Amino acid sequence: MKAILVEEEDQSLYIGDFEKPKIGSDEILVKVKATALNRADLLQKRGLYPPPQGASPILGLEMSGIIEELGAEVTGWQKGDRVCALLPGGGYAEYVSIPADMAIRIPEILSFEDAAAIPEVFLTAYLNMFWLGDLEQGQTILIHAGASGVGTAAIQLAREKGAKIIVTAGTEEKRELCLSLGADYAIDYREGPFSEKVKAATDGNGVDLILDFIGASYWKENIHSLCIDGKLIIIGTMGGAKVEDVDLGLLLSKRLQIIGTALRTQTPAKKSQLTQDFSGFALDKLASGEIKPILDSIWDWKEANQAHAHMEQNRNAGKIVLRVNS
């Protein structure tokens, strides 16, 4: 099959030949129609985020496509069904093999490009807000990078849960997008410390939960933004991984919980359960249009280098999708 591969010398991307995956008895083979970019792809191509043991070395943590083959033990699916799925790797290719219970049926109203933008960001948001964050109706959440793929998914899921939503975003266009999706407040993080604005928006109480992609540079402001018994879930470290002068007294006095998380390294069993839980909560809402993937742009997979540059420059609002032409 054809796949997007990484040139070792300069980490550029090119389309080359790779062995077509085989399927086990409980797996399905999917002919890929579209995949989507994630920041993990940018790290992996530089050798900074290796795939889990046994996973495909090809980039790509999600895809959409058509079932082409079924394992002997697979039930509930047919050849020709449209599916999307989370992957440990391999999405930048013509074919992927996945466990059948990891597949998400694509609602009729969604294109393959739309569907490719669902798995990674919506499952990440669902895992961190509901499984780890225990977000409940009436609570308040602060979502950093609100206009990112995960951010736009998290806003919509939190809205459906009945939570109050505060986001940070760096441009007026991105803040307007967040508000249109259901955010109650949108803060320009470039205008100085955001904790004061968070406190003002919550009558001085702070938020119950924070989803943070930034890390070290936001640490102090995050701690000051949390209410008593609040939770900080660290999803990424775009702003650094090492924090100096940590005041453990604040963690104790406010009874805070700090949670580090990663979706890619979860066990297959947990990923399958997460997929099923998310589908039960959101699939009907995706089918009705109440929840929708937010696409920034669609590129041909021959333009993968340009698409990566678009993400590296932080120009996207929503997901960047690659259309796989084969």
C-alpha atoms as a PDB file:
ATOM      1  CA  MET A   1       0.000   0.000   0.000  1.00  0.00           C
ATOM      2  CA  LYS A   2       0.945   3.662  -0.162  1.00  0.00           C
ATOM      3  CA  ALA A   3       1.594   5.595   3.026  1.00  0.00           C
ATOM      4  CA  ILE A   4       3.065   8.906   4.159  1.00  0.00           C
ATOM      5  CA  LEU A   5       6.557   8.200   5.461  1.00  0.00           C
ATOM      6  CA  VAL A   6       9.188  10.341   7.176  1.00  0.00           C
ATOM      7  CA  GLU A   7      12.514  11.206   5.555  1.00  0.00           C
ATOM      8  CA  GLU A   8      15.079  10.599   8.301  1.00  0.00           C
ATOM      9  CA  GLU A   9      17.513  13.322   7.260  1.00  0.00           C
ATOM     10  CA  ASP A  10      15.174  16.309   7.439  1.00  0.00           C
ATOM     11  CA  GLN A  11      11.910  14.886   8.876  1.00  0.00           C
ATOM     12  CA  SER A  12      10.035  15.820   5.716  1.00  0.00           C
ATOM     13  CA  LEU A  13       7.085  13.717   4.609  1.00  0.00           C
ATOM     14  CA  TYR A  14       6.726  11.772   1.375  1.00  0.00           C
ATOM     15  CA  ILE A  15       4.409   9.115  -0.047  1.00  0.00           C
ATOM     16  CA  GLY A  16       6.081   5.724  -0.322  1.00  0.00           C
ATOM     17  CA  ASP A  17       5.411   2.001  -0.133  1.00  0.00           C
ATOM     18  CA  PHE A  18       4.667   0.142   3.088  1.00  0.00           C
ATOM     19  CA  GLU A  19       3.377  -3.317   3.937  1.00  0.00           C
ATOM     20  CA  LYS A  20      -0.411  -3.554   3.957  1.00  0.00           C
ATOM     21  CA  PRO A  21      -1.687  -4.523   7.441  1.00  0.00           C
ATOM     22  CA  LYS A  22      -3.217  -7.920   8.135  1.00  0.00           C
ATOM     23  CA  ILE A  23      -6.212  -8.432  10.402  1.00  0.00           C
ATOM     24  CA  GLY A  24      -6.825 -10.746  13.328  1.00  0.00           C
ATOM     25  CA  SER A  25     -10.023 -12.626  13.993  1.00  0.00           C
ATOM     26  CA  ASP A  26     -11.525  -9.742  15.991  1.00  0.00           C
ATOM     27  CA  GLU A  27     -10.326  -6.969  13.687  1.00  0.00           C
ATOM     28  CA  ILE A  28     -11.469  -5.140  10.578  1.00  0.00           C
ATOM     29  CA  LEU A  29      -9.476  -3.786   7.654  1.00  0.00           C
ATOM     30  CA  VAL A  30     -10.445  -0.248   6.695  1.00  0.00           C
ATOM     31  CA  LYS A  31      -9.650   1.497   3.424  1.00  0.00           C
ATOM     32  CA  VAL A  32      -8.750   4.970   4.622  1.00  0.00           C
ATOM     33  CA  LYS A  33     -10.507   7.958   3.066  1.00  0.00           C
ATOM     34  CA  ALA A  34      -9.246  10.698   5.404  1.00  0.00           C
ATOM     35  CA  THR A  35      -7.033  11.223   8.415  1.00  0.00           C
ATOM     36  CA  ALA A  36      -6.349  14.217  10.642  1.00  0.00           C
ATOM     37  CA  LEU A  37      -3.333  15.937  12.139  1.00  0.00           C
ATOM     38  CA  ASN A  38      -2.453  15.940  15.827  1.00  0.00           C
ATOM     39  CA  ARG A  39       0.431  17.629  17.579  1.00  0.00           C
ATOM     40  CA  ALA A  40       1.705  14.172  18.479  1.00  0.00           C
ATOM     41  CA  ASP A  41       2.429  13.728  14.755  1.00  0.00           C
ATOM     42  CA  LEU A  42       4.750  16.734  14.822  1.00  0.00           C
ATOM     43  CA  LEU A  43       6.649  15.233  17.741  1.00  0.00           C
ATOM     44  CA  GLN A  44       6.753  11.696  16.374  1.00  0.00           C
ATOM     45  CA  LYS A  45       8.279  12.671  13.036  1.00  0.00           C
ATOM     46  CA  ARG A  46      11.143  14.254  15.013  1.00  0.00           C
ATOM     47  CA  GLY A  47      11.647  11.126  17.081  1.00  0.00           C
ATOM     48  CA  LEU A  48      10.248  12.730  20.238  1.00  0.00           C
ATOM     49  CA  TYR A  49       7.063  10.661  20.646  1.00  0.00           C
ATOM     50  CA  PRO A  50       7.569   7.023  19.641  1.00  0.00           C
ATOM     51  CA  PRO A  51       4.480   4.880  19.027  1.00  0.00           C
ATOM     52  CA  PRO A  52       3.485   2.276  21.618  1.00  0.00           C
ATOM     53  CA  GLN A  53       5.123  -1.131  21.320  1.00  0.00           C
ATOM     54  CA  GLY A  54       3.569  -3.107  18.495  1.00  0.00           C
ATOM     55  CA  ALA A  55       1.853  -0.109  16.906  1.00  0.00           C
ATOM     56  CA  SER A  56       2.402   1.021  13.335  1.00  0.00           C
ATOM     57  CA  PRO A  57       5.387   3.378  12.923  1.00  0.00           C
ATOM     58  CA  ILE A  58       3.357   5.390  10.400  1.00  0.00           C
ATOM     59  CA  LEU A  59       2.020   8.735  11.645  1.00  0.00           C
ATOM     60  CA  GLY A  60      -1.682   9.250  12.263  1.00  0.00           C
ATOM     61  CA  LEU A  61      -3.802   8.755  15.371  1.00  0.00           C
ATOM     62  CA  GLU A  62      -7.220   8.663  13.709  1.00  0.00           C
ATOM     63  CA  MET A  63      -8.914   7.971  10.395  1.00  0.00           C
ATOM     64  CA  SER A  64     -12.187   7.478   8.584  1.00  0.00           C
ATOM     65  CA  GLY A  65     -12.925   5.035   5.809  1.00  0.00           C
ATOM     66  CA  ILE A  66     -14.793   1.996   4.539  1.00  0.00           C
ATOM     67  CA  ILE A  67     -14.619  -1.528   5.933  1.00  0.00           C
ATOM     68  CA  GLU A  68     -13.011  -3.783   3.350  1.00  0.00           C
ATOM     69  CA  GLU A  69     -12.386  -7.005   5.305  1.00  0.00           C
ATOM     70  CA  LEU A  70     -13.853  -8.581   8.464  1.00  0.00           C
ATOM     71  CA  GLY A  71     -12.130 -10.948  10.876  1.00  0.00           C
ATOM     72  CA  ALA A  72     -13.744 -14.333  11.428  1.00  0.00           C
ATOM     73  CA  GLU A  73     -15.131 -13.401  14.859  1.00  0.00           C
ATOM     74  CA  VAL A  74     -16.383  -9.916  13.989  1.00  0.00           C
ATOM     75  CA  THR A  75     -20.118  -9.296  14.343  1.00  0.00           C
ATOM     76  CA  GLY A  76     -22.234  -6.165  13.967  1.00  0.00           C
ATOM     77  CA  TRP A  77     -20.315  -4.818  10.988  1.00  0.00           C
ATOM     78  CA  GLN A  78     -20.474  -5.393   7.244  1.00  0.00           C
ATOM     79  CA  LYS A  79     -18.169  -4.740   4.340  1.00  0.00           C
ATOM     80  CA  GLY A  80     -18.871  -1.277   3.017  1.00  0.00           C
ATOM     81  CA  ASP A  81     -19.802   0.231   6.389  1.00  0.00           C
ATOM     82  CA  ARG A  82     -18.423   3.735   6.980  1.00  0.00           C
ATOM     83  CA  VAL A  83     -16.382   3.986  10.173  1.00  0.00           C
ATOM     84  CA  CYS A  84     -13.918   6.206  11.962  1.00  0.00           C
ATOM     85  CA  ALA A  85     -11.599   5.226  14.783  1.00  0.00           C
ATOM     86  CA  LEU A  86      -8.840   6.180  17.180  1.00  0.00           C
ATOM     87  CA  LEU A  87      -5.465   4.623  16.327  1.00  0.00           C
ATOM     88  CA  PRO A  88      -2.153   4.055  18.124  1.00  0.00           C
ATOM     89  CA  GLY A  89      -0.583   4.932  14.754  1.00  0.00           C
ATOM     90  CA  GLY A  90      -0.933   4.244  11.054  1.00  0.00           C
ATOM     91  CA  GLY A  91      -3.568   6.744   9.939  1.00  0.00           C
ATOM     92  CA  TYR A  92      -1.456   8.333   7.187  1.00  0.00           C
ATOM     93  CA  ALA A  93      -1.914   5.289   4.953  1.00  0.00           C
ATOM     94  CA  GLU A  94      -4.260   3.642   2.458  1.00  0.00           C
ATOM     95  CA  TYR A  95      -5.265   0.901   4.914  1.00  0.00           C
ATOM     96  CA  VAL A  96      -5.431   0.324   8.672  1.00  0.00           C
ATOM     97  CA  SER A  97      -6.443  -2.650  10.773  1.00  0.00           C
ATOM     98  CA  ILE A  98      -8.324  -2.000  14.004  1.00  0.00           C
ATOM     99  CA  PRO A  99     -10.171  -4.009  16.657  1.00  0.00           C
ATOM    100  CA  ALA A 100     -13.824  -4.076  15.607  1.00  0.00           C
ATOM    101  CA  ASP A 101     -14.969  -2.641  18.942  1.00  0.00           C
ATOM    102  CA  MET A 102     -12.832   0.452  18.349  1.00  0.00           C
ATOM    103  CA  ALA A 103     -14.843   1.441  15.284  1.00  0.00           C
ATOM    104  CA  ILE A 104     -17.351   4.295  15.423  1.00  0.00           C
ATOM    105  CA  ARG A 105     -20.151   4.262  12.871  1.00  0.00           C
ATOM    106  CA  ILE A 106     -20.162   7.474  10.821  1.00  0.00           C
ATOM    107  CA  PRO A 107     -23.536   9.256  10.841  1.00  0.00           C
ATOM    108  CA  GLU A 108     -25.001   9.826   7.390  1.00  0.00           C
ATOM    109  CA  ILE A 109     -24.801  13.614   7.647  1.00  0.00           C
ATOM    110  CA  LEU A 110     -21.005  13.553   8.044  1.00  0.00           C
ATOM    111  CA  SER A 111     -18.432  13.297   5.272  1.00  0.00           C
ATOM    112  CA  PHE A 112     -15.273  11.222   5.596  1.00  0.00           C
ATOM    113  CA  GLU A 113     -13.378  14.470   6.188  1.00  0.00           C
ATOM    114  CA  ASP A 114     -15.743  15.409   9.025  1.00  0.00           C
ATOM    115  CA  ALA A 115     -15.514  11.946  10.546  1.00  0.00           C
ATOM    116  CA  ALA A 116     -11.711  11.859  10.482  1.00  0.00           C
ATOM    117  CA  ALA A 117     -11.762  14.880  12.799  1.00  0.00           C
ATOM    118  CA  ILE A 118     -13.763  13.105  15.504  1.00  0.00           C
ATOM    119  CA  PRO A 119     -11.874  10.263  17.239  1.00  0.00           C
ATOM    120  CA  GLU A 120      -8.726  11.744  18.768  1.00  0.00           C
ATOM    121  CA  VAL A 121     -10.109  15.061  19.954  1.00  0.00           C
ATOM    122  CA  PHE A 122     -13.529  13.937  21.128  1.00  0.00           C
ATOM    123  CA  LEU A 123     -12.218  10.854  22.914  1.00  0.00           C
ATOM    124  CA  THR A 124      -9.454  12.931  24.527  1.00  0.00           C
ATOM    125  CA  ALA A 125     -12.007  15.482  25.718  1.00  0.00           C
ATOM    126  CA  TYR A 126     -14.403  12.780  26.935  1.00  0.00           C
ATOM    127  CA  LEU A 127     -11.669  10.901  28.796  1.00  0.00           C
ATOM    128  CA  ASN A 128     -10.340  13.957  30.579  1.00  0.00           C
ATOM    129  CA  MET A 129     -13.574  15.760  31.388  1.00  0.00           C
ATOM    130  CA  PHE A 130     -15.793  12.831  32.327  1.00  0.00           C
ATOM    131  CA  TRP A 131     -13.628   9.840  33.243  1.00  0.00           C
ATOM    132  CA  LEU A 132     -10.860  11.757  35.015  1.00  0.00           C
ATOM    133  CA  GLY A 133     -12.413  15.146  35.713  1.00  0.00           C
ATOM    134  CA  ASP A 134     -15.873  13.967  36.844  1.00  0.00           C
ATOM    135  CA  LEU A 135     -17.386  17.094  35.316  1.00  0.00           C
ATOM    136  CA  GLU A 136     -21.008  17.498  36.377  1.00  0.00           C
ATOM    137  CA  GLN A 137     -23.900  19.750  35.435  1.00  0.00           C
ATOM    138  CA  GLY A 138     -23.536  23.174  37.027  1.00  0.00           C
ATOM    139  CA  GLN A 139     -19.769  22.949  37.521  1.00  0.00           C
ATOM    140  CA  THR A 140     -17.323  25.314  35.817  1.00  0.00           C
ATOM    141  CA  ILE A 141     -14.496  24.275  33.511  1.00  0.00           C
ATOM    142  CA  LEU A 142     -11.570  26.252  32.110  1.00  0.00           C
ATOM    143  CA  ILE A 143     -10.431  24.963  28.715  1.00  0.00           C
ATOM    144  CA  HIS A 144      -7.114  26.260  27.448  1.00  0.00           C
ATOM    145  CA  ALA A 145      -6.489  26.422  23.688  1.00  0.00           C
ATOM    146  CA  GLY A 146     -10.225  26.581  23.238  1.00  0.00           C
ATOM    147  CA  ALA A 147     -10.083  26.816  19.449  1.00  0.00           C
ATOM    148  CA  SER A 148      -7.862  23.743  19.067  1.00  0.00           C
ATOM    149  CA  GLY A 149      -9.268  20.404  17.974  1.00  0.00           C
ATOM    150  CA  VAL A 150      -9.565  19.098  21.537  1.00  0.00           C
ATOM    151  CA  GLY A 151     -10.726  22.492  22.735  1.00  0.00           C
ATOM    152  CA  THR A 152     -13.628  22.733  20.286  1.00  0.00           C
ATOM    153  CA  ALA A 153     -14.649  19.156  21.124  1.00  0.00           C
ATOM    154  CA  ALA A 154     -14.426  19.807  24.867  1.00  0.00           C
ATOM    155  CA  ILE A 155     -16.566  22.943  24.640  1.00  0.00           C
ATOM    156  CA  GLN A 156     -19.367  21.039  22.935  1.00  0.00           C
ATOM    157  CA  LEU A 157     -19.261  18.043  25.285  1.00  0.00           C
ATOM    158  CA  ALA A 158     -19.162  20.296  28.351  1.00  0.00           C
ATOM    159  CA  ARG A 159     -22.087  22.287  26.950  1.00  0.00           C
ATOM    160  CA  GLU A 160     -24.120  19.103  26.533  1.00  0.00           C
ATOM    161  CA  LYS A 161     -23.285  18.187  30.125  1.00  0.00           C
ATOM    162  CA  GLY A 162     -24.639  21.522  31.345  1.00  0.00           C
ATOM    163  CA  ALA A 163     -21.370  22.957  32.626  1.00  0.00           C
ATOM    164  CA  LYS A 164     -20.298  26.601  32.666  1.00  0.00           C
ATOM    165  CA  ILE A 165     -17.413  27.048  30.227  1.00  0.00           C
ATOM    166  CA  ILE A 166     -14.465  29.455  30.236  1.00  0.00           C
ATOM    167  CA  VAL A 167     -11.830  29.269  27.506  1.00  0.00           C
ATOM    168  CA  THR A 168      -8.570  30.917  26.597  1.00  0.00           C
ATOM    169  CA  ALA A 169      -7.651  31.694  22.980  1.00  0.00           C
ATOM    170  CA  GLY A 170      -5.200  34.057  21.319  1.00  0.00           C
ATOM    171  CA  THR A 171      -7.199  35.784  18.569  1.00  0.00           C
ATOM    172  CA  GLU A 172     -10.600  37.401  18.345  1.00  0.00           C
ATOM    173  CA  GLU A 173     -11.580  34.974  15.588  1.00  0.00           C
ATOM    174  CA  LYS A 174     -10.735  31.979  17.759  1.00  0.00           C
ATOM    175  CA  ARG A 175     -12.567  33.413  20.760  1.00  0.00           C
ATOM    176  CA  GLU A 176     -15.653  34.043  18.635  1.00  0.00           C
ATOM    177  CA  LEU A 177     -15.545  30.432  17.465  1.00  0.00           C
ATOM    178  CA  CYS A 178     -15.413  29.222  21.062  1.00  0.00           C
ATOM    179  CA  LEU A 179     -18.362  31.386  22.056  1.00  0.00           C
ATOM    180  CA  SER A 180     -20.366  30.174  19.064  1.00  0.00           C
ATOM    181  CA  LEU A 181     -19.855  26.571  20.221  1.00  0.00           C
ATOM    182  CA  GLY A 182     -21.169  27.245  23.694  1.00  0.00           C
ATOM    183  CA  ALA A 183     -18.407  28.821  25.769  1.00  0.00           C
ATOM    184  CA  ASP A 184     -19.691  31.356  28.292  1.00  0.00           C
ATOM    185  CA  TYR A 185     -16.481  33.399  28.569  1.00  0.00           C
ATOM    186  CA  ALA A 186     -13.483  33.689  26.251  1.00  0.00           C
ATOM    187  CA  ILE A 187     -10.237  35.132  27.624  1.00  0.00           C
ATOM    188  CA  ASP A 188      -7.344  36.531  25.589  1.00  0.00           C
ATOM    189  CA  TYR A 189      -4.353  34.858  27.253  1.00  0.00           C
ATOM    190  CA  ARG A 190      -2.018  37.437  25.700  1.00  0.00           C
ATOM    191  CA  GLU A 191      -3.489  40.225  27.820  1.00  0.00           C
ATOM    192  CA  GLY A 192      -1.780  39.131  31.021  1.00  0.00           C
ATOM    193  CA  PRO A 193      -2.591  36.757  33.906  1.00  0.00           C
ATOM    194  CA  PHE A 194      -5.804  34.896  33.191  1.00  0.00           C
ATOM    195  CA  SER A 195      -6.523  33.863  36.780  1.00  0.00           C
ATOM    196  CA  GLU A 196      -7.900  37.319  37.632  1.00  0.00           C
ATOM    197  CA  LYS A 197     -10.381  37.078  34.770  1.00  0.00           C
ATOM    198  CA  VAL A 198     -11.312  33.545  35.761  1.00  0.00           C
ATOM    199  CA  LYS A 199     -12.019  34.705  39.305  1.00  0.00           C
ATOM    200  CA  ALA A 200     -14.099  37.612  37.987  1.00  0.00           C
ATOM    201  CA  ALA A 201     -16.137  35.249  35.815  1.00  0.00           C
ATOM    202  CA  THR A 202     -16.811  32.909  38.755  1.00  0.00           C
ATOM    203  CA  ASP A 203     -17.608  35.499  41.450  1.00  0.00           C
ATOM    204  CA  GLY A 204     -14.241  34.863  43.030  1.00  0.00           C
ATOM    205  CA  ASN A 205     -14.716  31.124  43.427  1.00  0.00           C
ATOM    206  CA  GLY A 206     -12.524  29.724  40.658  1.00  0.00           C
ATOM    207  CA  VAL A 207     -13.213  26.725  38.440  1.00  0.00           C
ATOM    208  CA  ASP A 208     -13.823  23.081  39.277  1.00  0.00           C
ATOM    209  CA  LEU A 209     -11.764  21.681  36.418  1.00  0.00           C
ATOM    210  CA  ILE A 210      -9.009  22.841  34.055  1.00  0.00           C
ATOM    211  CA  LEU A 211      -7.933  21.158  30.811  1.00  0.00           C
ATOM    212  CA  ASP A 212      -4.389  22.341  30.145  1.00  0.00           C
ATOM    213  CA  PHE A 213      -2.232  21.739  27.069  1.00  0.00           C
ATOM    214  CA  ILE A 214       0.412  24.324  28.008  1.00  0.00           C
ATOM    215  CA  GLY A 215       2.053  23.018  31.169  1.00  0.00           C
ATOM    216  CA  ALA A 216       4.790  24.802  33.074  1.00  0.00           C
ATOM    217  CA  SER A 217       4.179  28.370  31.944  1.00  0.00           C
ATOM    218  CA  TYR A 218       0.542  28.172  33.080  1.00  0.00           C
ATOM    219  CA  TRP A 219       1.151  26.325  36.353  1.00  0.00           C
ATOM    220  CA  LYS A 220       0.818  29.177  38.840  1.00  0.00           C
ATOM    221  CA  GLU A 221      -2.112  30.789  37.068  1.00  0.00           C
ATOM    222  CA  ASN A 222      -3.875  27.431  36.868  1.00  0.00           C
ATOM    223  CA  ILE A 223      -3.443  26.792  40.588  1.00  0.00           C
ATOM    224  CA  HIS A 224      -4.822  30.234  41.413  1.00  0.00           C
ATOM    225  CA  SER A 225      -7.757  29.666  39.029  1.00  0.00           C
ATOM    226  CA  LEU A 226      -8.977  26.488  40.758  1.00  0.00           C
ATOM    227  CA  CYS A 227     -11.611  26.421  43.453  1.00  0.00           C
ATOM    228  CA  ILE A 228     -11.511  24.269  46.577  1.00  0.00           C
ATOM    229  CA  ASP A 229     -11.350  20.570  45.558  1.00  0.00           C
ATOM    230  CA  GLY A 230     -10.564  21.611  41.979  1.00  0.00           C
ATOM    231  CA  LYS A 231      -8.792  19.397  39.457  1.00  0.00           C
ATOM    232  CA  LEU A 232      -6.031  20.313  37.007  1.00  0.00           C
ATOM    233  CA  ILE A 233      -5.668  17.841  34.149  1.00  0.00           C
ATOM    234  CA  ILE A 234      -2.435  18.263  32.216  1.00  0.00           C
ATOM    235  CA  ILE A 235      -2.792  17.038  28.630  1.00  0.00           C
ATOM    236  CA  GLY A 236       0.317  18.628  27.100  1.00  0.00           C
ATOM    237  CA  THR A 237       3.440  20.643  27.823  1.00  0.00           C
ATOM    238  CA  MET A 238       3.614  23.111  24.924  1.00  0.00           C
ATOM    239  CA  GLY A 239       4.748  25.778  27.423  1.00  0.00           C
ATOM    240  CA  GLY A 240       7.386  23.633  29.130  1.00  0.00           C
ATOM    241  CA  ALA A 241       7.516  20.541  31.326  1.00  0.00           C
ATOM    242  CA  LYS A 242       9.448  21.724  34.385  1.00  0.00           C
ATOM    243  CA  VAL A 243       7.949  23.966  37.064  1.00  0.00           C
ATOM    244  CA  GLU A 244      10.067  25.852  39.590  1.00  0.00           C
ATOM    245  CA  ASP A 245       8.980  27.077  43.031  1.00  0.00           C
ATOM    246  CA  VAL A 246       5.940  24.855  43.438  1.00  0.00           C
ATOM    247  CA  ASP A 247       3.903  25.864  46.483  1.00  0.00           C
ATOM    248  CA  LEU A 248       2.652  22.539  47.825  1.00  0.00           C
ATOM    249  CA  GLY A 249       0.850  24.419  50.589  1.00  0.00           C
ATOM    250  CA  LEU A 250      -1.684  25.723  48.054  1.00  0.00           C
ATOM    251  CA  LEU A 251      -2.366  22.189  46.861  1.00  0.00           C
ATOM    252  CA  LEU A 252      -3.037  21.129  50.443  1.00  0.00           C
ATOM    253  CA  SER A 253      -5.068  24.135  51.551  1.00  0.00           C
ATOM    254  CA  LYS A 254      -7.281  24.005  48.448  1.00  0.00           C
ATOM    255  CA  ARG A 255      -7.359  20.170  48.360  1.00  0.00           C
ATOM    256  CA  LEU A 256      -6.374  20.192  44.698  1.00  0.00           C
ATOM    257  CA  GLN A 257      -5.874  17.211  42.419  1.00  0.00           C
ATOM    258  CA  ILE A 258      -3.214  17.331  39.684  1.00  0.00           C
ATOM    259  CA  ILE A 259      -3.661  14.650  37.023  1.00  0.00           C
ATOM    260  CA  GLY A 260      -1.310  13.837  34.161  1.00  0.00           C
ATOM    261  CA  THR A 261      -2.864  11.988  31.262  1.00  0.00           C
ATOM    262  CA  ALA A 262      -2.246  10.545  27.799  1.00  0.00           C
ATOM    263  CA  LEU A 263      -4.723   8.807  25.514  1.00  0.00           C
ATOM    264  CA  ARG A 264      -2.290   7.082  23.173  1.00  0.00           C
ATOM    265  CA  THR A 265      -0.775   4.879  25.877  1.00  0.00           C
ATOM    266  CA  GLN A 266      -4.073   3.674  27.358  1.00  0.00           C
ATOM    267  CA  THR A 267      -4.624  -0.068  27.109  1.00  0.00           C
ATOM    268  CA  PRO A 268      -6.648  -1.392  24.168  1.00  0.00           C
ATOM    269  CA  ALA A 269      -9.361  -2.481  26.606  1.00  0.00           C
ATOM    270  CA  LYS A 270      -9.668   1.024  28.043  1.00  0.00           C
ATOM    271  CA  LYS A 271      -9.697   2.574  24.573  1.00  0.00           C
ATOM    272  CA  SER A 272     -12.486   0.225  23.536  1.00  0.00           C
ATOM    273  CA  GLN A 273     -14.529   1.063  26.633  1.00  0.00           C
ATOM    274  CA  LEU A 274     -13.900   4.768  26.092  1.00  0.00           C
ATOM    275  CA  THR A 275     -15.065   4.449  22.489  1.00  0.00           C
ATOM    276  CA  GLN A 276     -18.251   2.711  23.577  1.00  0.00           C
ATOM    277  CA  ASP A 277     -18.960   5.241  26.343  1.00  0.00           C
ATOM    278  CA  PHE A 278     -18.384   8.180  24.022  1.00  0.00           C
ATOM    279  CA  SER A 279     -20.569   6.662  21.301  1.00  0.00           C
ATOM    280  CA  GLY A 280     -23.390   6.168  23.789  1.00  0.00           C
ATOM    281  CA  PHE A 281     -23.163   9.786  24.906  1.00  0.00           C
ATOM    282  CA  ALA A 282     -22.518  11.550  21.608  1.00  0.00           C
ATOM    283  CA  LEU A 283     -23.307   9.484  18.513  1.00  0.00           C
ATOM    284  CA  ASP A 284     -26.966  10.530  18.354  1.00  0.00           C
ATOM    285  CA  LYS A 285     -25.907  14.138  18.897  1.00  0.00           C
ATOM    286  CA  LEU A 286     -23.407  13.874  16.045  1.00  0.00           C
ATOM    287  CA  ALA A 287     -26.115  12.364  13.841  1.00  0.00           C
ATOM    288  CA  SER A 288     -28.483  15.245  14.628  1.00  0.00           C
ATOM    289  CA  GLY A 289     -25.840  17.956  14.265  1.00  0.00           C
ATOM    290  CA  GLU A 290     -26.055  19.031  17.919  1.00  0.00           C
ATOM    291  CA  ILE A 291     -22.363  18.154  18.194  1.00  0.00           C
ATOM    292  CA  LYS A 292     -20.057  18.546  15.218  1.00  0.00           C
ATOM    293  CA  PRO A 293     -16.377  18.236  14.400  1.00  0.00           C
ATOM    294  CA  ILE A 294     -14.804  21.618  13.666  1.00  0.00           C
ATOM    295  CA  LEU A 295     -12.596  21.599  10.583  1.00  0.00           C
ATOM    296  CA  ASP A 296      -9.959  24.223   9.998  1.00  0.00           C
ATOM    297  CA  SER A 297      -8.860  23.020   6.580  1.00  0.00           C
ATOM    298  CA  ILE A 298      -8.701  19.997   4.271  1.00  0.00           C
ATOM    299  CA  TRP A 299      -5.510  19.086   2.390  1.00  0.00           C
ATOM    300  CA  ASP A 300      -4.637  16.406  -0.125  1.00  0.00           C
ATOM    301  CA  TRP A 301      -2.236  13.925   1.457  1.00  0.00           C
ATOM    302  CA  LYS A 302       0.375  14.976  -1.101  1.00  0.00           C
ATOM    303  CA  GLU A 303       0.324  18.326   0.753  1.00  0.00           C
ATOM    304  CA  ALA A 304       1.163  16.780   4.129  1.00  0.00           C
ATOM    305  CA  ASN A 305       4.272  18.927   4.601  1.00  0.00           C
ATOM    306  CA  GLN A 306       2.272  22.124   4.042  1.00  0.00           C
ATOM    307  CA  ALA A 307      -0.460  20.892   6.406  1.00  0.00           C
ATOM    308  CA  HIS A 308       2.136  20.209   9.098  1.00  0.00           C
ATOM    309  CA  ALA A 309       3.599  23.670   8.639  1.00  0.00           C
ATOM    310  CA  HIS A 310       0.109  25.130   9.052  1.00  0.00           C
ATOM    311  CA  MET A 311      -0.189  23.412  12.438  1.00  0.00           C
ATOM    312  CA  GLU A 312       3.377  24.209  13.498  1.00  0.00           C
ATOM    313  CA  GLN A 313       2.626  27.891  12.936  1.00  0.00           C
ATOM    314  CA  ASN A 314      -0.449  27.583  15.188  1.00  0.00           C
ATOM    315  CA  ARG A 315      -2.684  28.939  12.437  1.00  0.00           C
ATOM    316  CA  ASN A 316      -5.492  26.428  12.764  1.00  0.00           C
ATOM    317  CA  ALA A 317      -8.825  26.793  14.513  1.00  0.00           C
ATOM    318  CA  GLY A 318     -10.221  23.280  14.665  1.00  0.00           C
ATOM    319  CA  LYS A 319      -8.902  20.179  12.959  1.00  0.00           C
ATOM    320  CA  ILE A 320      -6.571  19.918   9.966  1.00  0.00           C
ATOM    321  CA  VAL A 321      -7.635  16.993   7.763  1.00  0.00           C
ATOM    322  CA  LEU A 322      -5.762  15.078   5.077  1.00  0.00           C
ATOM    323  CA  ARG A 323      -7.809  13.533   2.286  1.00  0.00           C
ATOM    324  CA  VAL A 324      -6.255  10.189   1.349  1.00  0.00           C
ATOM    325  CA  ASN A 325      -6.419   9.781  -2.427  1.00  0.00           C
ATOM    326  CA  SER A 326      -5.697   6.293  -3.679  1.00  0.00           C
END
